[in-house]
Amino acid sequence: MSTPATIDDIYKLFQASKEEYDRRAAEADRRMVKLEKTVDRTSKAVEALTTRWGRFVEELVEPAVLRLFQEKGIDVKEVYPRARTKRQGVAMEIDILAVDDTELVLVECKSRLSKDDVDEFVEKLTRFKDAFPHYGNFKAYGAVAGIEINEGIDRYAYRQGLFVIKPSGDGVAIANDDDFKPVTW
């Protein structure tokens, strides 16, 4: 038969349990800090890789932009990679801006093009002339380019009135058919 526990026995058990709990909590905190550092390093590495892939896409598309849009009847003559502005608190960067005397094409380049990318770019197009007011009288067209394009996103971008630029052979090509009518912003 076991003897009943005394208050001191119960207190000692409680203290031992509390010490074990505190030890485990401290170990969990140490592991959490280590995990947060690992996640932070991984996030920075992924961001750097994504940025490099994005630059790769821009560098693949940029040399072809004049030819591609001239073939579509938009006689762009100048190309500005990474066109940036900041006016009255409105900041914007365009991956590739192709310009002639009355028309221009804004090109958004992604390593992997998603619906969110298309939606964000369409929203950017609506704000473009606020950020770049000197192009206020120009007809502005949009184009999205991607090395990898999520399923159906090319058709989605087409329906939004955007040109779609995809890999083709050793370079890139506009995927839109001859019936395509781009939206003017």
C-alpha atoms as a PDB file:
ATOM      1  CA  MET A   1       0.000   0.000   0.000  1.00  0.00           C
ATOM      2  CA  SER A   2       1.356   3.392  -0.887  1.00  0.00           C
ATOM      3  CA  THR A   3       1.487   6.207   1.538  1.00  0.00           C
ATOM      4  CA  PRO A   4      -0.474   9.348   0.843  1.00  0.00           C
ATOM      5  CA  ALA A   5       1.527  12.206  -0.658  1.00  0.00           C
ATOM      6  CA  THR A   6       2.294  15.087   1.571  1.00  0.00           C
ATOM      7  CA  ILE A   7       2.015  18.693   0.563  1.00  0.00           C
ATOM      8  CA  ASP A   8       5.822  18.808   0.399  1.00  0.00           C
ATOM      9  CA  ASP A   9       5.845  15.823  -1.957  1.00  0.00           C
ATOM     10  CA  ILE A  10       3.246  17.461  -4.191  1.00  0.00           C
ATOM     11  CA  TYR A  11       5.187  20.739  -4.143  1.00  0.00           C
ATOM     12  CA  LYS A  12       8.428  18.947  -5.100  1.00  0.00           C
ATOM     13  CA  LEU A  13       6.621  17.193  -7.987  1.00  0.00           C
ATOM     14  CA  PHE A  14       5.195  20.525  -9.077  1.00  0.00           C
ATOM     15  CA  GLN A  15       8.641  22.168  -8.922  1.00  0.00           C
ATOM     16  CA  ALA A  16      10.208  19.340 -10.930  1.00  0.00           C
ATOM     17  CA  SER A  17       7.432  19.585 -13.525  1.00  0.00           C
ATOM     18  CA  LYS A  18       7.803  23.358 -13.692  1.00  0.00           C
ATOM     19  CA  GLU A  19      11.593  23.085 -14.112  1.00  0.00           C
ATOM     20  CA  GLU A  20      11.110  20.526 -16.905  1.00  0.00           C
ATOM     21  CA  TYR A  21       8.499  22.771 -18.534  1.00  0.00           C
ATOM     22  CA  ASP A  22      10.835  25.794 -18.282  1.00  0.00           C
ATOM     23  CA  ARG A  23      13.730  23.770 -19.727  1.00  0.00           C
ATOM     24  CA  ARG A  24      11.592  22.602 -22.655  1.00  0.00           C
ATOM     25  CA  ALA A  25      10.216  26.113 -23.225  1.00  0.00           C
ATOM     26  CA  ALA A  26      13.744  27.558 -23.294  1.00  0.00           C
ATOM     27  CA  GLU A  27      14.836  24.850 -25.759  1.00  0.00           C
ATOM     28  CA  ALA A  28      11.791  25.596 -27.927  1.00  0.00           C
ATOM     29  CA  ASP A  29      12.659  29.308 -27.849  1.00  0.00           C
ATOM     30  CA  ARG A  30      16.260  28.543 -28.918  1.00  0.00           C
ATOM     31  CA  ARG A  31      15.000  26.353 -31.754  1.00  0.00           C
ATOM     32  CA  MET A  32      12.493  29.018 -32.835  1.00  0.00           C
ATOM     33  CA  VAL A  33      15.239  31.672 -33.014  1.00  0.00           C
ATOM     34  CA  LYS A  34      17.399  29.295 -35.059  1.00  0.00           C
ATOM     35  CA  LEU A  35      14.443  28.495 -37.358  1.00  0.00           C
ATOM     36  CA  GLU A  36      13.636  32.202 -37.834  1.00  0.00           C
ATOM     37  CA  LYS A  37      17.269  32.868 -38.832  1.00  0.00           C
ATOM     38  CA  THR A  38      17.145  29.978 -41.302  1.00  0.00           C
ATOM     39  CA  VAL A  39      13.857  31.204 -42.793  1.00  0.00           C
ATOM     40  CA  ASP A  40      15.270  34.740 -43.087  1.00  0.00           C
ATOM     41  CA  ARG A  41      18.431  33.496 -44.887  1.00  0.00           C
ATOM     42  CA  THR A  42      16.329  31.275 -47.165  1.00  0.00           C
ATOM     43  CA  SER A  43      13.925  34.124 -47.982  1.00  0.00           C
ATOM     44  CA  LYS A  44      16.834  36.415 -48.889  1.00  0.00           C
ATOM     45  CA  ALA A  45      18.383  33.715 -51.083  1.00  0.00           C
ATOM     46  CA  VAL A  46      15.064  33.062 -52.871  1.00  0.00           C
ATOM     47  CA  GLU A  47      14.512  36.804 -53.353  1.00  0.00           C
ATOM     48  CA  ALA A  48      17.987  37.190 -54.843  1.00  0.00           C
ATOM     49  CA  LEU A  49      17.404  34.232 -57.151  1.00  0.00           C
ATOM     50  CA  THR A  50      13.989  35.565 -58.202  1.00  0.00           C
ATOM     51  CA  THR A  51      15.522  38.968 -58.917  1.00  0.00           C
ATOM     52  CA  ARG A  52      18.258  37.364 -61.037  1.00  0.00           C
ATOM     53  CA  TRP A  53      15.658  35.333 -62.978  1.00  0.00           C
ATOM     54  CA  GLY A  54      13.583  38.472 -63.505  1.00  0.00           C
ATOM     55  CA  ARG A  55      16.648  40.314 -64.832  1.00  0.00           C
ATOM     56  CA  PHE A  56      17.366  37.348 -67.096  1.00  0.00           C
ATOM     57  CA  VAL A  57      13.853  37.583 -68.568  1.00  0.00           C
ATOM     58  CA  GLU A  58      14.250  41.347 -69.077  1.00  0.00           C
ATOM     59  CA  GLU A  59      17.590  40.819 -70.819  1.00  0.00           C
ATOM     60  CA  LEU A  60      16.065  38.147 -73.046  1.00  0.00           C
ATOM     61  CA  VAL A  61      13.052  40.280 -74.008  1.00  0.00           C
ATOM     62  CA  GLU A  62      14.597  43.764 -74.253  1.00  0.00           C
ATOM     63  CA  PRO A  63      16.666  43.256 -77.449  1.00  0.00           C
ATOM     64  CA  ALA A  64      13.598  41.904 -79.283  1.00  0.00           C
ATOM     65  CA  VAL A  65      11.085  44.571 -78.210  1.00  0.00           C
ATOM     66  CA  LEU A  66      11.594  46.985 -81.119  1.00  0.00           C
ATOM     67  CA  ARG A  67      11.286  44.246 -83.724  1.00  0.00           C
ATOM     68  CA  LEU A  68       8.349  42.521 -82.034  1.00  0.00           C
ATOM     69  CA  PHE A  69       6.180  45.598 -81.794  1.00  0.00           C
ATOM     70  CA  GLN A  70       7.208  47.070 -85.141  1.00  0.00           C
ATOM     71  CA  GLU A  71       6.003  43.778 -86.658  1.00  0.00           C
ATOM     72  CA  LYS A  72       2.661  44.414 -84.905  1.00  0.00           C
ATOM     73  CA  GLY A  73       2.420  47.907 -86.415  1.00  0.00           C
ATOM     74  CA  ILE A  74       3.546  49.842 -83.346  1.00  0.00           C
ATOM     75  CA  ASP A  75       6.562  51.752 -84.622  1.00  0.00           C
ATOM     76  CA  VAL A  76       8.500  52.035 -81.351  1.00  0.00           C
ATOM     77  CA  LYS A  77      12.016  53.429 -81.799  1.00  0.00           C
ATOM     78  CA  GLU A  78      13.399  53.737 -78.277  1.00  0.00           C
ATOM     79  CA  VAL A  79      13.700  51.187 -75.489  1.00  0.00           C
ATOM     80  CA  TYR A  80      14.222  52.035 -71.834  1.00  0.00           C
ATOM     81  CA  PRO A  81      14.931  49.084 -69.560  1.00  0.00           C
ATOM     82  CA  ARG A  82      13.843  49.575 -65.935  1.00  0.00           C
ATOM     83  CA  ALA A  83      12.282  53.008 -66.475  1.00  0.00           C
ATOM     84  CA  ARG A  84      11.769  54.548 -63.037  1.00  0.00           C
ATOM     85  CA  THR A  85      10.055  57.609 -61.656  1.00  0.00           C
ATOM     86  CA  LYS A  86       9.035  59.111 -58.359  1.00  0.00           C
ATOM     87  CA  ARG A  87       6.744  62.127 -58.509  1.00  0.00           C
ATOM     88  CA  GLN A  88       4.746  63.581 -55.639  1.00  0.00           C
ATOM     89  CA  GLY A  89       4.935  60.345 -53.709  1.00  0.00           C
ATOM     90  CA  VAL A  90       4.022  58.205 -56.724  1.00  0.00           C
ATOM     91  CA  ALA A  91       6.835  55.759 -57.483  1.00  0.00           C
ATOM     92  CA  MET A  92       6.803  53.301 -60.345  1.00  0.00           C
ATOM     93  CA  GLU A  93       9.206  51.065 -62.228  1.00  0.00           C
ATOM     94  CA  ILE A  94       8.518  49.660 -65.680  1.00  0.00           C
ATOM     95  CA  ASP A  95      10.638  46.657 -66.647  1.00  0.00           C
ATOM     96  CA  ILE A  96      10.836  47.712 -70.305  1.00  0.00           C
ATOM     97  CA  LEU A  97       9.371  50.861 -71.837  1.00  0.00           C
ATOM     98  CA  ALA A  98       9.302  51.065 -75.651  1.00  0.00           C
ATOM     99  CA  VAL A  99       8.415  54.469 -77.127  1.00  0.00           C
ATOM    100  CA  ASP A 100       7.805  56.219 -80.448  1.00  0.00           C
ATOM    101  CA  ASP A 101       6.359  59.693 -81.075  1.00  0.00           C
ATOM    102  CA  THR A 102       2.724  58.927 -80.133  1.00  0.00           C
ATOM    103  CA  GLU A 103       2.607  55.340 -78.824  1.00  0.00           C
ATOM    104  CA  LEU A 104       4.384  53.329 -76.185  1.00  0.00           C
ATOM    105  CA  VAL A 105       4.439  49.803 -74.826  1.00  0.00           C
ATOM    106  CA  LEU A 106       5.000  48.903 -71.200  1.00  0.00           C
ATOM    107  CA  VAL A 107       6.416  45.412 -70.761  1.00  0.00           C
ATOM    108  CA  GLU A 108       6.263  43.513 -67.462  1.00  0.00           C
ATOM    109  CA  CYS A 109       8.764  40.627 -67.287  1.00  0.00           C
ATOM    110  CA  LYS A 110       8.418  37.657 -64.957  1.00  0.00           C
ATOM    111  CA  SER A 111      10.258  34.387 -64.686  1.00  0.00           C
ATOM    112  CA  ARG A 112       6.887  32.763 -63.905  1.00  0.00           C
ATOM    113  CA  LEU A 113       3.799  34.722 -64.935  1.00  0.00           C
ATOM    114  CA  SER A 114       0.718  34.314 -62.734  1.00  0.00           C
ATOM    115  CA  LYS A 115      -2.809  35.767 -62.656  1.00  0.00           C
ATOM    116  CA  ASP A 116      -1.789  38.031 -59.762  1.00  0.00           C
ATOM    117  CA  ASP A 117       1.091  39.375 -61.882  1.00  0.00           C
ATOM    118  CA  VAL A 118      -1.314  40.187 -64.719  1.00  0.00           C
ATOM    119  CA  ASP A 119      -3.808  41.854 -62.358  1.00  0.00           C
ATOM    120  CA  GLU A 120      -1.085  43.938 -60.673  1.00  0.00           C
ATOM    121  CA  PHE A 121       0.276  44.998 -64.060  1.00  0.00           C
ATOM    122  CA  VAL A 122      -3.153  46.056 -65.339  1.00  0.00           C
ATOM    123  CA  GLU A 123      -3.525  48.166 -62.186  1.00  0.00           C
ATOM    124  CA  LYS A 124      -0.059  49.651 -62.845  1.00  0.00           C
ATOM    125  CA  LEU A 125      -1.124  50.527 -66.394  1.00  0.00           C
ATOM    126  CA  THR A 126      -4.060  52.531 -65.021  1.00  0.00           C
ATOM    127  CA  ARG A 127      -1.638  54.617 -62.915  1.00  0.00           C
ATOM    128  CA  PHE A 128       1.132  54.910 -65.519  1.00  0.00           C
ATOM    129  CA  LYS A 129       0.280  58.374 -66.857  1.00  0.00           C
ATOM    130  CA  ASP A 130       0.089  59.764 -63.304  1.00  0.00           C
ATOM    131  CA  ALA A 131       3.613  58.526 -62.656  1.00  0.00           C
ATOM    132  CA  PHE A 132       4.927  59.494 -66.122  1.00  0.00           C
ATOM    133  CA  PRO A 133       2.817  62.589 -67.003  1.00  0.00           C
ATOM    134  CA  HIS A 134       5.004  63.567 -69.971  1.00  0.00           C
ATOM    135  CA  TYR A 135       3.488  60.546 -71.772  1.00  0.00           C
ATOM    136  CA  GLY A 136      -0.055  61.781 -71.078  1.00  0.00           C
ATOM    137  CA  ASN A 137      -1.001  62.150 -74.767  1.00  0.00           C
ATOM    138  CA  PHE A 138       0.522  58.843 -75.865  1.00  0.00           C
ATOM    139  CA  LYS A 139      -1.422  55.679 -76.632  1.00  0.00           C
ATOM    140  CA  ALA A 140      -0.122  53.184 -74.089  1.00  0.00           C
ATOM    141  CA  TYR A 141      -0.249  49.414 -74.591  1.00  0.00           C
ATOM    142  CA  GLY A 142       0.702  46.671 -72.162  1.00  0.00           C
ATOM    143  CA  ALA A 143       2.642  43.464 -72.618  1.00  0.00           C
ATOM    144  CA  VAL A 144       3.567  40.676 -70.238  1.00  0.00           C
ATOM    145  CA  ALA A 145       6.520  38.383 -70.744  1.00  0.00           C
ATOM    146  CA  GLY A 146       7.314  35.154 -68.963  1.00  0.00           C
ATOM    147  CA  ILE A 147       9.669  32.247 -69.332  1.00  0.00           C
ATOM    148  CA  GLU A 148       7.098  30.075 -67.594  1.00  0.00           C
ATOM    149  CA  ILE A 149       3.434  31.010 -67.758  1.00  0.00           C
ATOM    150  CA  ASN A 150       0.923  29.402 -65.417  1.00  0.00           C
ATOM    151  CA  GLU A 151      -1.784  27.422 -67.233  1.00  0.00           C
ATOM    152  CA  GLY A 152      -4.388  29.631 -68.881  1.00  0.00           C
ATOM    153  CA  ILE A 153      -2.674  32.880 -67.879  1.00  0.00           C
ATOM    154  CA  ASP A 154      -1.678  33.664 -71.467  1.00  0.00           C
ATOM    155  CA  ARG A 155      -5.372  33.572 -72.434  1.00  0.00           C
ATOM    156  CA  TYR A 156      -6.268  35.608 -69.350  1.00  0.00           C
ATOM    157  CA  ALA A 157      -3.704  38.302 -70.245  1.00  0.00           C
ATOM    158  CA  TYR A 158      -4.979  38.286 -73.838  1.00  0.00           C
ATOM    159  CA  ARG A 159      -8.533  38.913 -72.570  1.00  0.00           C
ATOM    160  CA  GLN A 160      -7.202  41.809 -70.477  1.00  0.00           C
ATOM    161  CA  GLY A 161      -5.953  43.407 -73.711  1.00  0.00           C
ATOM    162  CA  LEU A 162      -2.275  42.654 -73.141  1.00  0.00           C
ATOM    163  CA  PHE A 163       0.322  41.394 -75.571  1.00  0.00           C
ATOM    164  CA  VAL A 164       1.831  38.112 -74.374  1.00  0.00           C
ATOM    165  CA  ILE A 165       5.526  37.470 -74.984  1.00  0.00           C
ATOM    166  CA  LYS A 166       6.749  33.873 -74.688  1.00  0.00           C
ATOM    167  CA  PRO A 167       9.938  31.964 -75.404  1.00  0.00           C
ATOM    168  CA  SER A 168      10.208  30.847 -79.008  1.00  0.00           C
ATOM    169  CA  GLY A 169      13.190  29.034 -80.462  1.00  0.00           C
ATOM    170  CA  ASP A 170      16.331  30.912 -79.453  1.00  0.00           C
ATOM    171  CA  GLY A 171      14.439  34.061 -78.477  1.00  0.00           C
ATOM    172  CA  VAL A 172      10.964  35.355 -77.757  1.00  0.00           C
ATOM    173  CA  ALA A 173       7.821  36.055 -79.771  1.00  0.00           C
ATOM    174  CA  ILE A 174       4.448  37.694 -79.300  1.00  0.00           C
ATOM    175  CA  ALA A 175       1.916  34.884 -78.876  1.00  0.00           C
ATOM    176  CA  ASN A 176      -1.197  36.953 -79.706  1.00  0.00           C
ATOM    177  CA  ASP A 177      -3.006  36.037 -82.919  1.00  0.00           C
ATOM    178  CA  ASP A 178      -3.723  38.465 -85.774  1.00  0.00           C
ATOM    179  CA  ASP A 179      -7.279  39.105 -84.465  1.00  0.00           C
ATOM    180  CA  PHE A 180      -5.954  40.564 -81.199  1.00  0.00           C
ATOM    181  CA  LYS A 181      -6.956  44.145 -80.402  1.00  0.00           C
ATOM    182  CA  PRO A 182      -4.850  45.601 -77.582  1.00  0.00           C
ATOM    183  CA  VAL A 183      -6.429  47.812 -74.934  1.00  0.00           C
ATOM    184  CA  THR A 184      -5.187  51.404 -74.951  1.00  0.00           C
ATOM    185  CA  TRP A 185      -4.431  53.010 -71.627  1.00  0.00           C
END
